[in-house]
Amino acid sequence: MDVSVLIVDDDHDFGRAAAELLADRGYRVLGQATTAAEALARCDELDPDAVLLDVGLPDGDGVALAQKLNARPHRPRILLTSSDRKALSPERVRQSGASGFIPKAHLVRCDLDRFLR
């Protein structure tokens, strides 16, 4: 079964690269949101199975957004990411309700199924 993923990141180039990576690994990419507000609206509209979520967004914190998404009846699996490999402590990841945190530079060699399926 295809797992649908919404990419939430304000870096369009990273979003395109992540979409290609996810598609190559068998995920169905639904699109990209570039702000927390847009991500909430897109999740309402598209109901993704999973969200690849940047920690730093122009209008908010990815951790706070992850908590909001986890409070919903249909909770998507969430993988937090950042270009800063030390952006989050393991405790903050747990508090967010996300399935994990992977630095952007490590996504290519990461077992994404562990976090998104």
PDB file of N, CA and C in Angstrom:
ATOM      1  N   MET A   1       0.841  -1.180   0.000  1.00  0.00           N
ATOM      2  CA  MET A   1       0.000   0.000   0.000  1.00  0.00           C
ATOM      3  C   MET A   1       0.889   1.247   0.000  1.00  0.00           C
ATOM      4  N   ASP A   2       0.573   2.193  -0.855  1.00  0.00           N
ATOM      5  CA  ASP A   2       1.307   3.450  -0.912  1.00  0.00           C
ATOM      6  C   ASP A   2       1.090   4.256   0.365  1.00  0.00           C
ATOM      7  N   VAL A   3       2.152   4.804   0.873  1.00  0.00           N
ATOM      8  CA  VAL A   3       2.064   5.722   2.001  1.00  0.00           C
ATOM      9  C   VAL A   3       2.138   7.128   1.423  1.00  0.00           C
ATOM     10  N   SER A   4       1.138   7.941   1.727  1.00  0.00           N
ATOM     11  CA  SER A   4       1.117   9.318   1.225  1.00  0.00           C
ATOM     12  C   SER A   4       1.857  10.232   2.192  1.00  0.00           C
ATOM     13  N   VAL A   5       2.651  11.155   1.610  1.00  0.00           N
ATOM     14  CA  VAL A   5       3.492  12.036   2.425  1.00  0.00           C
ATOM     15  C   VAL A   5       3.313  13.485   1.979  1.00  0.00           C
ATOM     16  N   LEU A   6       3.191  14.371   2.942  1.00  0.00           N
ATOM     17  CA  LEU A   6       3.233  15.807   2.704  1.00  0.00           C
ATOM     18  C   LEU A   6       4.581  16.307   3.194  1.00  0.00           C
ATOM     19  N   ILE A   7       5.276  17.068   2.364  1.00  0.00           N
ATOM     20  CA  ILE A   7       6.551  17.661   2.740  1.00  0.00           C
ATOM     21  C   ILE A   7       6.279  19.080   3.230  1.00  0.00           C
ATOM     22  N   VAL A   8       6.776  19.401   4.408  1.00  0.00           N
ATOM     23  CA  VAL A   8       6.597  20.739   4.982  1.00  0.00           C
ATOM     24  C   VAL A   8       7.983  21.348   5.188  1.00  0.00           C
ATOM     25  N   ASP A   9       8.341  22.258   4.295  1.00  0.00           N
ATOM     26  CA  ASP A   9       9.661  22.881   4.327  1.00  0.00           C
ATOM     27  C   ASP A   9       9.616  24.136   3.478  1.00  0.00           C
ATOM     28  N   ASP A  10      10.216  25.222   3.966  1.00  0.00           N
ATOM     29  CA  ASP A  10      10.191  26.475   3.211  1.00  0.00           C
ATOM     30  C   ASP A  10      11.308  26.562   2.170  1.00  0.00           C
ATOM     31  N   ASP A  11      12.155  25.560   2.088  1.00  0.00           N
ATOM     32  CA  ASP A  11      13.213  25.494   1.082  1.00  0.00           C
ATOM     33  C   ASP A  11      12.694  24.686  -0.112  1.00  0.00           C
ATOM     34  N   HIS A  12      12.334  25.369  -1.186  1.00  0.00           N
ATOM     35  CA  HIS A  12      11.743  24.701  -2.349  1.00  0.00           C
ATOM     36  C   HIS A  12      12.687  23.676  -2.965  1.00  0.00           C
ATOM     37  N   ASP A  13      13.978  23.985  -3.015  1.00  0.00           N
ATOM     38  CA  ASP A  13      14.943  23.045  -3.584  1.00  0.00           C
ATOM     39  C   ASP A  13      15.015  21.767  -2.761  1.00  0.00           C
ATOM     40  N   PHE A  14      15.043  21.907  -1.440  1.00  0.00           N
ATOM     41  CA  PHE A  14      15.039  20.724  -0.590  1.00  0.00           C
ATOM     42  C   PHE A  14      13.734  19.944  -0.786  1.00  0.00           C
ATOM     43  N   GLY A  15      12.622  20.661  -0.875  1.00  0.00           N
ATOM     44  CA  GLY A  15      11.333  20.003  -1.073  1.00  0.00           C
ATOM     45  C   GLY A  15      11.310  19.159  -2.345  1.00  0.00           C
ATOM     46  N   ARG A  16      11.853  19.695  -3.425  1.00  0.00           N
ATOM     47  CA  ARG A  16      11.913  18.933  -4.681  1.00  0.00           C
ATOM     48  C   ARG A  16      12.805  17.705  -4.532  1.00  0.00           C
ATOM     49  N   ALA A  17      13.967  17.884  -3.911  1.00  0.00           N
ATOM     50  CA  ALA A  17      14.885  16.754  -3.717  1.00  0.00           C
ATOM     51  C   ALA A  17      14.258  15.690  -2.814  1.00  0.00           C
ATOM     52  N   ALA A  18      13.610  16.114  -1.751  1.00  0.00           N
ATOM     53  CA  ALA A  18      12.952  15.167  -0.844  1.00  0.00           C
ATOM     54  C   ALA A  18      11.814  14.437  -1.554  1.00  0.00           C
ATOM     55  N   ALA A  19      11.068  15.146  -2.381  1.00  0.00           N
ATOM     56  CA  ALA A  19       9.973  14.517  -3.134  1.00  0.00           C
ATOM     57  C   ALA A  19      10.516  13.427  -4.057  1.00  0.00           C
ATOM     58  N   GLU A  20      11.610  13.700  -4.726  1.00  0.00           N
ATOM     59  CA  GLU A  20      12.225  12.688  -5.601  1.00  0.00           C
ATOM     60  C   GLU A  20      12.699  11.487  -4.795  1.00  0.00           C
ATOM     61  N   LEU A  21      13.364  11.744  -3.675  1.00  0.00           N
ATOM     62  CA  LEU A  21      13.849  10.665  -2.818  1.00  0.00           C
ATOM     63  C   LEU A  21      12.690   9.796  -2.333  1.00  0.00           C
ATOM     64  N   LEU A  22      11.647  10.438  -1.839  1.00  0.00           N
ATOM     65  CA  LEU A  22      10.487   9.693  -1.334  1.00  0.00           C
ATOM     66  C   LEU A  22       9.816   8.894  -2.445  1.00  0.00           C
ATOM     67  N   ALA A  23       9.615   9.506  -3.600  1.00  0.00           N
ATOM     68  CA  ALA A  23       8.988   8.804  -4.728  1.00  0.00           C
ATOM     69  C   ALA A  23       9.831   7.610  -5.161  1.00  0.00           C
ATOM     70  N   ASP A  24      11.144   7.784  -5.195  1.00  0.00           N
ATOM     71  CA  ASP A  24      12.035   6.680  -5.566  1.00  0.00           C
ATOM     72  C   ASP A  24      11.949   5.524  -4.587  1.00  0.00           C
ATOM     73  N   ARG A  25      11.552   5.805  -3.365  1.00  0.00           N
ATOM     74  CA  ARG A  25      11.442   4.760  -2.338  1.00  0.00           C
ATOM     75  C   ARG A  25      10.014   4.248  -2.176  1.00  0.00           C
ATOM     76  N   GLY A  26       9.138   4.631  -3.098  1.00  0.00           N
ATOM     77  CA  GLY A  26       7.791   4.063  -3.117  1.00  0.00           C
ATOM     78  C   GLY A  26       6.729   4.839  -2.369  1.00  0.00           C
ATOM     79  N   TYR A  27       7.028   6.034  -1.937  1.00  0.00           N
ATOM     80  CA  TYR A  27       6.029   6.866  -1.266  1.00  0.00           C
ATOM     81  C   TYR A  27       5.272   7.685  -2.300  1.00  0.00           C
ATOM     82  N   ARG A  28       4.047   8.033  -1.973  1.00  0.00           N
ATOM     83  CA  ARG A  28       3.233   8.901  -2.828  1.00  0.00           C
ATOM     84  C   ARG A  28       3.274  10.307  -2.229  1.00  0.00           C
ATOM     85  N   VAL A  29       4.000  11.194  -2.900  1.00  0.00           N
ATOM     86  CA  VAL A  29       4.160  12.557  -2.402  1.00  0.00           C
ATOM     87  C   VAL A  29       2.952  13.387  -2.830  1.00  0.00           C
ATOM     88  N   LEU A  30       2.266  13.975  -1.852  1.00  0.00           N
ATOM     89  CA  LEU A  30       1.051  14.740  -2.117  1.00  0.00           C
ATOM     90  C   LEU A  30       1.334  16.194  -2.456  1.00  0.00           C
ATOM     91  N   GLY A  31       2.509  16.688  -2.062  1.00  0.00           N
ATOM     92  CA  GLY A  31       2.845  18.078  -2.320  1.00  0.00           C
ATOM     93  C   GLY A  31       3.723  18.622  -1.224  1.00  0.00           C
ATOM     94  N   GLN A  32       3.874  19.956  -1.249  1.00  0.00           N
ATOM     95  CA  GLN A  32       4.733  20.628  -0.291  1.00  0.00           C
ATOM     96  C   GLN A  32       4.016  21.852   0.273  1.00  0.00           C
ATOM     97  N   ALA A  33       4.134  22.030   1.569  1.00  0.00           N
ATOM     98  CA  ALA A  33       3.672  23.242   2.246  1.00  0.00           C
ATOM     99  C   ALA A  33       4.921  23.968   2.737  1.00  0.00           C
ATOM    100  N   THR A  34       4.873  25.298   2.730  1.00  0.00           N
ATOM    101  CA  THR A  34       6.069  26.056   3.111  1.00  0.00           C
ATOM    102  C   THR A  34       5.925  26.802   4.444  1.00  0.00           C
ATOM    103  N   THR A  35       4.763  26.743   5.051  1.00  0.00           N
ATOM    104  CA  THR A  35       4.538  27.374   6.351  1.00  0.00           C
ATOM    105  C   THR A  35       3.720  26.424   7.233  1.00  0.00           C
ATOM    106  N   ALA A  36       3.719  26.702   8.526  1.00  0.00           N
ATOM    107  CA  ALA A  36       2.924  25.893   9.450  1.00  0.00           C
ATOM    108  C   ALA A  36       1.432  26.032   9.138  1.00  0.00           C
ATOM    109  N   ALA A  37       0.991  27.249   8.855  1.00  0.00           N
ATOM    110  CA  ALA A  37      -0.423  27.471   8.537  1.00  0.00           C
ATOM    111  C   ALA A  37      -0.832  26.709   7.272  1.00  0.00           C
ATOM    112  N   GLU A  38       0.004  26.778   6.263  1.00  0.00           N
ATOM    113  CA  GLU A  38      -0.288  26.054   5.024  1.00  0.00           C
ATOM    114  C   GLU A  38      -0.278  24.546   5.278  1.00  0.00           C
ATOM    115  N   ALA A  39       0.627  24.079   6.118  1.00  0.00           N
ATOM    116  CA  ALA A  39       0.702  22.648   6.427  1.00  0.00           C
ATOM    117  C   ALA A  39      -0.587  22.161   7.089  1.00  0.00           C
ATOM    118  N   LEU A  40      -1.118  22.932   8.026  1.00  0.00           N
ATOM    119  CA  LEU A  40      -2.378  22.542   8.671  1.00  0.00           C
ATOM    120  C   LEU A  40      -3.508  22.465   7.656  1.00  0.00           C
ATOM    121  N   ALA A  41      -3.589  23.458   6.786  1.00  0.00           N
ATOM    122  CA  ALA A  41      -4.637  23.464   5.759  1.00  0.00           C
ATOM    123  C   ALA A  41      -4.471  22.290   4.799  1.00  0.00           C
ATOM    124  N   ARG A  42      -3.237  22.022   4.371  1.00  0.00           N
ATOM    125  CA  ARG A  42      -2.984  20.918   3.438  1.00  0.00           C
ATOM    126  C   ARG A  42      -3.267  19.559   4.089  1.00  0.00           C
ATOM    127  N   CYS A  43      -2.978  19.441   5.384  1.00  0.00           N
ATOM    128  CA  CYS A  43      -3.301  18.195   6.082  1.00  0.00           C
ATOM    129  C   CYS A  43      -4.815  17.985   6.153  1.00  0.00           C
ATOM    130  N   ASP A  44      -5.558  19.065   6.375  1.00  0.00           N
ATOM    131  CA  ASP A  44      -7.023  18.973   6.363  1.00  0.00           C
ATOM    132  C   ASP A  44      -7.517  18.543   4.990  1.00  0.00           C
ATOM    133  N   GLU A  45      -6.949  19.116   3.963  1.00  0.00           N
ATOM    134  CA  GLU A  45      -7.364  18.857   2.585  1.00  0.00           C
ATOM    135  C   GLU A  45      -6.938  17.474   2.089  1.00  0.00           C
ATOM    136  N   LEU A  46      -5.698  17.073   2.368  1.00  0.00           N
ATOM    137  CA  LEU A  46      -5.115  15.884   1.742  1.00  0.00           C
ATOM    138  C   LEU A  46      -5.074  14.650   2.642  1.00  0.00           C
ATOM    139  N   ASP A  47      -5.158  14.838   3.953  1.00  0.00           N
ATOM    140  CA  ASP A  47      -5.131  13.740   4.922  1.00  0.00           C
ATOM    141  C   ASP A  47      -3.962  12.777   4.673  1.00  0.00           C
ATOM    142  N   PRO A  48      -2.722  13.286   4.747  1.00  0.00           N
ATOM    143  CA  PRO A  48      -1.577  12.418   4.467  1.00  0.00           C
ATOM    144  C   PRO A  48      -1.364  11.362   5.551  1.00  0.00           C
ATOM    145  N   ASP A  49      -0.749  10.254   5.161  1.00  0.00           N
ATOM    146  CA  ASP A  49      -0.374   9.221   6.126  1.00  0.00           C
ATOM    147  C   ASP A  49       0.835   9.663   6.941  1.00  0.00           C
ATOM    148  N   ALA A  50       1.691  10.494   6.318  1.00  0.00           N
ATOM    149  CA  ALA A  50       2.937  10.910   6.966  1.00  0.00           C
ATOM    150  C   ALA A  50       3.297  12.334   6.552  1.00  0.00           C
ATOM    151  N   VAL A  51       4.114  12.976   7.383  1.00  0.00           N
ATOM    152  CA  VAL A  51       4.582  14.336   7.110  1.00  0.00           C
ATOM    153  C   VAL A  51       6.087  14.382   7.359  1.00  0.00           C
ATOM    154  N   LEU A  52       6.828  14.851   6.350  1.00  0.00           N
ATOM    155  CA  LEU A  52       8.245  15.157   6.522  1.00  0.00           C
ATOM    156  C   LEU A  52       8.299  16.634   6.880  1.00  0.00           C
ATOM    157  N   LEU A  53       8.693  16.956   8.103  1.00  0.00           N
ATOM    158  CA  LEU A  53       8.473  18.277   8.681  1.00  0.00           C
ATOM    159  C   LEU A  53       9.765  18.949   9.122  1.00  0.00           C
ATOM    160  N   ASP A  54      10.061  20.096   8.523  1.00  0.00           N
ATOM    161  CA  ASP A  54      11.222  20.889   8.915  1.00  0.00           C
ATOM    162  C   ASP A  54      10.968  21.508  10.286  1.00  0.00           C
ATOM    163  N   VAL A  55      11.998  21.549  11.098  1.00  0.00           N
ATOM    164  CA  VAL A  55      11.892  22.110  12.443  1.00  0.00           C
ATOM    165  C   VAL A  55      11.680  23.624  12.403  1.00  0.00           C
ATOM    166  N   GLY A  56      12.344  24.306  11.475  1.00  0.00           N
ATOM    167  CA  GLY A  56      12.253  25.762  11.403  1.00  0.00           C
ATOM    168  C   GLY A  56      11.431  26.234  10.231  1.00  0.00           C
ATOM    169  N   LEU A  57      10.279  26.806  10.512  1.00  0.00           N
ATOM    170  CA  LEU A  57       9.390  27.327   9.464  1.00  0.00           C
ATOM    171  C   LEU A  57       9.235  28.833   9.661  1.00  0.00           C
ATOM    172  N   PRO A  58       8.928  29.570   8.605  1.00  0.00           N
ATOM    173  CA  PRO A  58       8.860  31.034   8.717  1.00  0.00           C
ATOM    174  C   PRO A  58       7.811  31.535   9.714  1.00  0.00           C
ATOM    175  N   ASP A  59       6.756  30.760   9.911  1.00  0.00           N
ATOM    176  CA  ASP A  59       5.684  31.218  10.798  1.00  0.00           C
ATOM    177  C   ASP A  59       5.517  30.354  12.039  1.00  0.00           C
ATOM    178  N   GLY A  60       6.506  29.537  12.338  1.00  0.00           N
ATOM    179  CA  GLY A  60       6.358  28.712  13.526  1.00  0.00           C
ATOM    180  C   GLY A  60       7.418  27.643  13.662  1.00  0.00           C
ATOM    181  N   ASP A  61       7.261  26.902  14.720  1.00  0.00           N
ATOM    182  CA  ASP A  61       8.181  25.862  15.125  1.00  0.00           C
ATOM    183  C   ASP A  61       7.620  24.507  14.681  1.00  0.00           C
ATOM    184  N   GLY A  62       8.453  23.700  14.023  1.00  0.00           N
ATOM    185  CA  GLY A  62       8.015  22.382  13.581  1.00  0.00           C
ATOM    186  C   GLY A  62       7.609  21.469  14.720  1.00  0.00           C
ATOM    187  N   VAL A  63       8.233  21.630  15.874  1.00  0.00           N
ATOM    188  CA  VAL A  63       7.875  20.810  17.028  1.00  0.00           C
ATOM    189  C   VAL A  63       6.450  21.132  17.480  1.00  0.00           C
ATOM    190  N   ALA A  64       6.115  22.410  17.546  1.00  0.00           N
ATOM    191  CA  ALA A  64       4.750  22.811  17.929  1.00  0.00           C
ATOM    192  C   ALA A  64       3.742  22.320  16.895  1.00  0.00           C
ATOM    193  N   LEU A  65       4.110  22.388  15.620  1.00  0.00           N
ATOM    194  CA  LEU A  65       3.218  21.888  14.568  1.00  0.00           C
ATOM    195  C   LEU A  65       3.029  20.383  14.701  1.00  0.00           C
ATOM    196  N   ALA A  66       4.094  19.656  14.989  1.00  0.00           N
ATOM    197  CA  ALA A  66       3.984  18.206  15.185  1.00  0.00           C
ATOM    198  C   ALA A  66       3.016  17.895  16.324  1.00  0.00           C
ATOM    199  N   GLN A  67       3.094  18.658  17.397  1.00  0.00           N
ATOM    200  CA  GLN A  67       2.180  18.449  18.529  1.00  0.00           C
ATOM    201  C   GLN A  67       0.730  18.693  18.116  1.00  0.00           C
ATOM    202  N   LYS A  68       0.504  19.730  17.322  1.00  0.00           N
ATOM    203  CA  LYS A  68      -0.859  20.005  16.836  1.00  0.00           C
ATOM    204  C   LYS A  68      -1.362  18.872  15.958  1.00  0.00           C
ATOM    205  N   LEU A  69      -0.521  18.391  15.071  1.00  0.00           N
ATOM    206  CA  LEU A  69      -0.926  17.300  14.179  1.00  0.00           C
ATOM    207  C   LEU A  69      -1.192  16.016  14.959  1.00  0.00           C
ATOM    208  N   ASN A  70      -0.440  15.789  16.024  1.00  0.00           N
ATOM    209  CA  ASN A  70      -0.640  14.594  16.845  1.00  0.00           C
ATOM    210  C   ASN A  70      -1.890  14.667  17.705  1.00  0.00           C
ATOM    211  N   ALA A  71      -2.441  15.861  17.880  1.00  0.00           N
ATOM    212  CA  ALA A  71      -3.670  16.016  18.661  1.00  0.00           C
ATOM    213  C   ALA A  71      -4.917  15.761  17.823  1.00  0.00           C
ATOM    214  N   ARG A  72      -4.742  15.561  16.519  1.00  0.00           N
ATOM    215  CA  ARG A  72      -5.878  15.350  15.620  1.00  0.00           C
ATOM    216  C   ARG A  72      -6.344  13.898  15.657  1.00  0.00           C
ATOM    217  N   PRO A  73      -7.599  13.666  15.270  1.00  0.00           N
ATOM    218  CA  PRO A  73      -8.112  12.287  15.261  1.00  0.00           C
ATOM    219  C   PRO A  73      -7.304  11.356  14.333  1.00  0.00           C
ATOM    220  N   HIS A  74      -6.983  11.805  13.124  1.00  0.00           N
ATOM    221  CA  HIS A  74      -6.144  11.005  12.223  1.00  0.00           C
ATOM    222  C   HIS A  74      -4.742  11.593  12.290  1.00  0.00           C
ATOM    223  N   ARG A  75      -3.907  10.941  13.071  1.00  0.00           N
ATOM    224  CA  ARG A  75      -2.557  11.463  13.299  1.00  0.00           C
ATOM    225  C   ARG A  75      -1.603  10.902  12.251  1.00  0.00           C
ATOM    226  N   PRO A  76      -1.014  11.767  11.455  1.00  0.00           N
ATOM    227  CA  PRO A  76      -0.021  11.266  10.508  1.00  0.00           C
ATOM    228  C   PRO A  76       1.276  10.922  11.244  1.00  0.00           C
ATOM    229  N   ARG A  77       2.045  10.007  10.683  1.00  0.00           N
ATOM    230  CA  ARG A  77       3.397   9.760  11.190  1.00  0.00           C
ATOM    231  C   ARG A  77       4.225  10.984  10.817  1.00  0.00           C
ATOM    232  N   ILE A  78       5.075  11.442  11.701  1.00  0.00           N
ATOM    233  CA  ILE A  78       5.836  12.672  11.469  1.00  0.00           C
ATOM    234  C   ILE A  78       7.319  12.391  11.643  1.00  0.00           C
ATOM    235  N   LEU A  79       8.088  12.795  10.643  1.00  0.00           N
ATOM    236  CA  LEU A  79       9.539  12.742  10.718  1.00  0.00           C
ATOM    237  C   LEU A  79      10.042  14.173  10.680  1.00  0.00           C
ATOM    238  N   LEU A  80      10.645  14.611  11.771  1.00  0.00           N
ATOM    239  CA  LEU A  80      11.208  15.959  11.851  1.00  0.00           C
ATOM    240  C   LEU A  80      12.583  15.976  11.185  1.00  0.00           C
ATOM    241  N   THR A  81      12.911  17.103  10.578  1.00  0.00           N
ATOM    242  CA  THR A  81      14.200  17.247   9.914  1.00  0.00           C
ATOM    243  C   THR A  81      14.695  18.683  10.030  1.00  0.00           C
ATOM    244  N   SER A  82      15.990  18.845   9.846  1.00  0.00           N
ATOM    245  CA  SER A  82      16.602  20.169   9.894  1.00  0.00           C
ATOM    246  C   SER A  82      17.974  20.090   9.244  1.00  0.00           C
ATOM    247  N   SER A  83      18.443  21.219   8.747  1.00  0.00           N
ATOM    248  CA  SER A  83      19.809  21.267   8.235  1.00  0.00           C
ATOM    249  C   SER A  83      20.810  21.297   9.394  1.00  0.00           C
ATOM    250  N   ASP A  84      20.351  21.612  10.590  1.00  0.00           N
ATOM    251  CA  ASP A  84      21.182  21.601  11.793  1.00  0.00           C
ATOM    252  C   ASP A  84      21.034  20.244  12.478  1.00  0.00           C
ATOM    253  N   ARG A  85      22.091  19.450  12.435  1.00  0.00           N
ATOM    254  CA  ARG A  85      21.995  18.088  12.975  1.00  0.00           C
ATOM    255  C   ARG A  85      21.764  18.058  14.489  1.00  0.00           C
ATOM    256  N   LYS A  86      21.972  19.176  15.164  1.00  0.00           N
ATOM    257  CA  LYS A  86      21.761  19.253  16.608  1.00  0.00           C
ATOM    258  C   LYS A  86      20.542  20.103  16.954  1.00  0.00           C
ATOM    259  N   ALA A  87      19.628  20.237  16.026  1.00  0.00           N
ATOM    260  CA  ALA A  87      18.459  21.112  16.222  1.00  0.00           C
ATOM    261  C   ALA A  87      17.558  20.651  17.353  1.00  0.00           C
ATOM    262  N   LEU A  88      17.482  19.346  17.574  1.00  0.00           N
ATOM    263  CA  LEU A  88      16.556  18.826  18.588  1.00  0.00           C
ATOM    264  C   LEU A  88      17.218  17.791  19.463  1.00  0.00           C
ATOM    265  N   SER A  89      16.904  17.841  20.724  1.00  0.00           N
ATOM    266  CA  SER A  89      17.333  16.788  21.645  1.00  0.00           C
ATOM    267  C   SER A  89      16.360  15.614  21.515  1.00  0.00           C
ATOM    268  N   PRO A  90      16.785  14.420  21.900  1.00  0.00           N
ATOM    269  CA  PRO A  90      15.856  13.287  21.896  1.00  0.00           C
ATOM    270  C   PRO A  90      14.596  13.556  22.730  1.00  0.00           C
ATOM    271  N   GLU A  91      14.752  14.297  23.814  1.00  0.00           N
ATOM    272  CA  GLU A  91      13.589  14.624  24.658  1.00  0.00           C
ATOM    273  C   GLU A  91      12.577  15.488  23.905  1.00  0.00           C
ATOM    274  N   ARG A  92      13.048  16.485  23.171  1.00  0.00           N
ATOM    275  CA  ARG A  92      12.126  17.341  22.389  1.00  0.00           C
ATOM    276  C   ARG A  92      11.438  16.540  21.290  1.00  0.00           C
ATOM    277  N   VAL A  93      12.134  15.607  20.695  1.00  0.00           N
ATOM    278  CA  VAL A  93      11.515  14.744  19.674  1.00  0.00           C
ATOM    279  C   VAL A  93      10.399  13.945  20.324  1.00  0.00           C
ATOM    280  N   ARG A  94      10.664  13.350  21.479  1.00  0.00           N
ATOM    281  CA  ARG A  94       9.619  12.589  22.190  1.00  0.00           C
ATOM    282  C   ARG A  94       8.429  13.479  22.531  1.00  0.00           C
ATOM    283  N   GLN A  95       8.698  14.681  23.035  1.00  0.00           N
ATOM    284  CA  GLN A  95       7.622  15.608  23.404  1.00  0.00           C
ATOM    285  C   GLN A  95       6.772  16.005  22.196  1.00  0.00           C
ATOM    286  N   SER A  96       7.374  16.043  21.034  1.00  0.00           N
ATOM    287  CA  SER A  96       6.650  16.452  19.828  1.00  0.00           C
ATOM    288  C   SER A  96       5.654  15.401  19.360  1.00  0.00           C
ATOM    289  N   GLY A  97       5.890  14.155  19.739  1.00  0.00           N
ATOM    290  CA  GLY A  97       5.052  13.066  19.247  1.00  0.00           C
ATOM    291  C   GLY A  97       5.497  12.539  17.893  1.00  0.00           C
ATOM    292  N   ALA A  98       6.591  13.084  17.369  1.00  0.00           N
ATOM    293  CA  ALA A  98       7.110  12.634  16.071  1.00  0.00           C
ATOM    294  C   ALA A  98       7.734  11.251  16.211  1.00  0.00           C
ATOM    295  N   SER A  99       7.826  10.546  15.099  1.00  0.00           N
ATOM    296  CA  SER A  99       8.435   9.218  15.111  1.00  0.00           C
ATOM    297  C   SER A  99       9.957   9.301  15.142  1.00  0.00           C
ATOM    298  N   GLY A 100      10.507  10.498  14.857  1.00  0.00           N
ATOM    299  CA  GLY A 100      11.949  10.651  14.916  1.00  0.00           C
ATOM    300  C   GLY A 100      12.415  11.969  14.346  1.00  0.00           C
ATOM    301  N   PHE A 101      13.748  12.131  14.364  1.00  0.00           N
ATOM    302  CA  PHE A 101      14.408  13.306  13.809  1.00  0.00           C
ATOM    303  C   PHE A 101      15.613  12.838  13.019  1.00  0.00           C
ATOM    304  N   ILE A 102      15.733  13.335  11.786  1.00  0.00           N
ATOM    305  CA  ILE A 102      16.869  13.023  10.925  1.00  0.00           C
ATOM    306  C   ILE A 102      17.380  14.331  10.321  1.00  0.00           C
ATOM    307  N   PRO A 103      18.673  14.609  10.448  1.00  0.00           N
ATOM    308  CA  PRO A 103      19.221  15.778   9.756  1.00  0.00           C
ATOM    309  C   PRO A 103      19.035  15.630   8.243  1.00  0.00           C
ATOM    310  N   LYS A 104      18.782  16.718   7.568  1.00  0.00           N
ATOM    311  CA  LYS A 104      18.522  16.672   6.124  1.00  0.00           C
ATOM    312  C   LYS A 104      19.636  15.965   5.361  1.00  0.00           C
ATOM    313  N   ALA A 105      20.872  16.202   5.752  1.00  0.00           N
ATOM    314  CA  ALA A 105      22.004  15.591   5.054  1.00  0.00           C
ATOM    315  C   ALA A 105      22.021  14.070   5.180  1.00  0.00           C
ATOM    316  N   HIS A 106      21.305  13.514   6.150  1.00  0.00           N
ATOM    317  CA  HIS A 106      21.296  12.069   6.373  1.00  0.00           C
ATOM    318  C   HIS A 106      20.087  11.369   5.765  1.00  0.00           C
ATOM    319  N   LEU A 107      19.134  12.113   5.239  1.00  0.00           N
ATOM    320  CA  LEU A 107      17.912  11.497   4.710  1.00  0.00           C
ATOM    321  C   LEU A 107      18.195  10.462   3.635  1.00  0.00           C
ATOM    322  N   VAL A 108      19.168  10.755   2.775  1.00  0.00           N
ATOM    323  CA  VAL A 108      19.459   9.875   1.648  1.00  0.00           C
ATOM    324  C   VAL A 108      19.877   8.477   2.098  1.00  0.00           C
ATOM    325  N   ARG A 109      20.539   8.379   3.224  1.00  0.00           N
ATOM    326  CA  ARG A 109      21.015   7.069   3.679  1.00  0.00           C
ATOM    327  C   ARG A 109      20.221   6.529   4.869  1.00  0.00           C
ATOM    328  N   CYS A 110      19.087   7.106   5.109  1.00  0.00           N
ATOM    329  CA  CYS A 110      18.242   6.729   6.245  1.00  0.00           C
ATOM    330  C   CYS A 110      17.170   5.722   5.819  1.00  0.00           C
ATOM    331  N   ASP A 111      16.813   4.824   6.738  1.00  0.00           N
ATOM    332  CA  ASP A 111      15.692   3.916   6.528  1.00  0.00           C
ATOM    333  C   ASP A 111      14.402   4.693   6.843  1.00  0.00           C
ATOM    334  N   LEU A 112      13.846   5.336   5.821  1.00  0.00           N
ATOM    335  CA  LEU A 112      12.657   6.170   6.010  1.00  0.00           C
ATOM    336  C   LEU A 112      11.438   5.361   6.449  1.00  0.00           C
ATOM    337  N   ASP A 113      11.373   4.095   6.049  1.00  0.00           N
ATOM    338  CA  ASP A 113      10.239   3.255   6.427  1.00  0.00           C
ATOM    339  C   ASP A 113      10.100   3.177   7.948  1.00  0.00           C
ATOM    340  N   ARG A 114      11.205   3.187   8.636  1.00  0.00           N
ATOM    341  CA  ARG A 114      11.192   3.130  10.093  1.00  0.00           C
ATOM    342  C   ARG A 114      10.390   4.277  10.700  1.00  0.00           C
ATOM    343  N   PHE A 115      10.387   5.410  10.041  1.00  0.00           N
ATOM    344  CA  PHE A 115       9.738   6.602  10.570  1.00  0.00           C
ATOM    345  C   PHE A 115       8.392   6.928   9.917  1.00  0.00           C
ATOM    346  N   LEU A 116       8.214   6.542   8.662  1.00  0.00           N
ATOM    347  CA  LEU A 116       7.037   7.006   7.906  1.00  0.00           C
ATOM    348  C   LEU A 116       5.987   5.926   7.617  1.00  0.00           C
ATOM    349  N   ARG A 117       6.309   4.674   7.807  1.00  0.00           N
ATOM    350  CA  ARG A 117       5.317   3.614   7.525  1.00  0.00           C
ATOM    351  C   ARG A 117       4.706   3.092   8.804  1.00  0.00           C
TER     352      ARG A 117
END
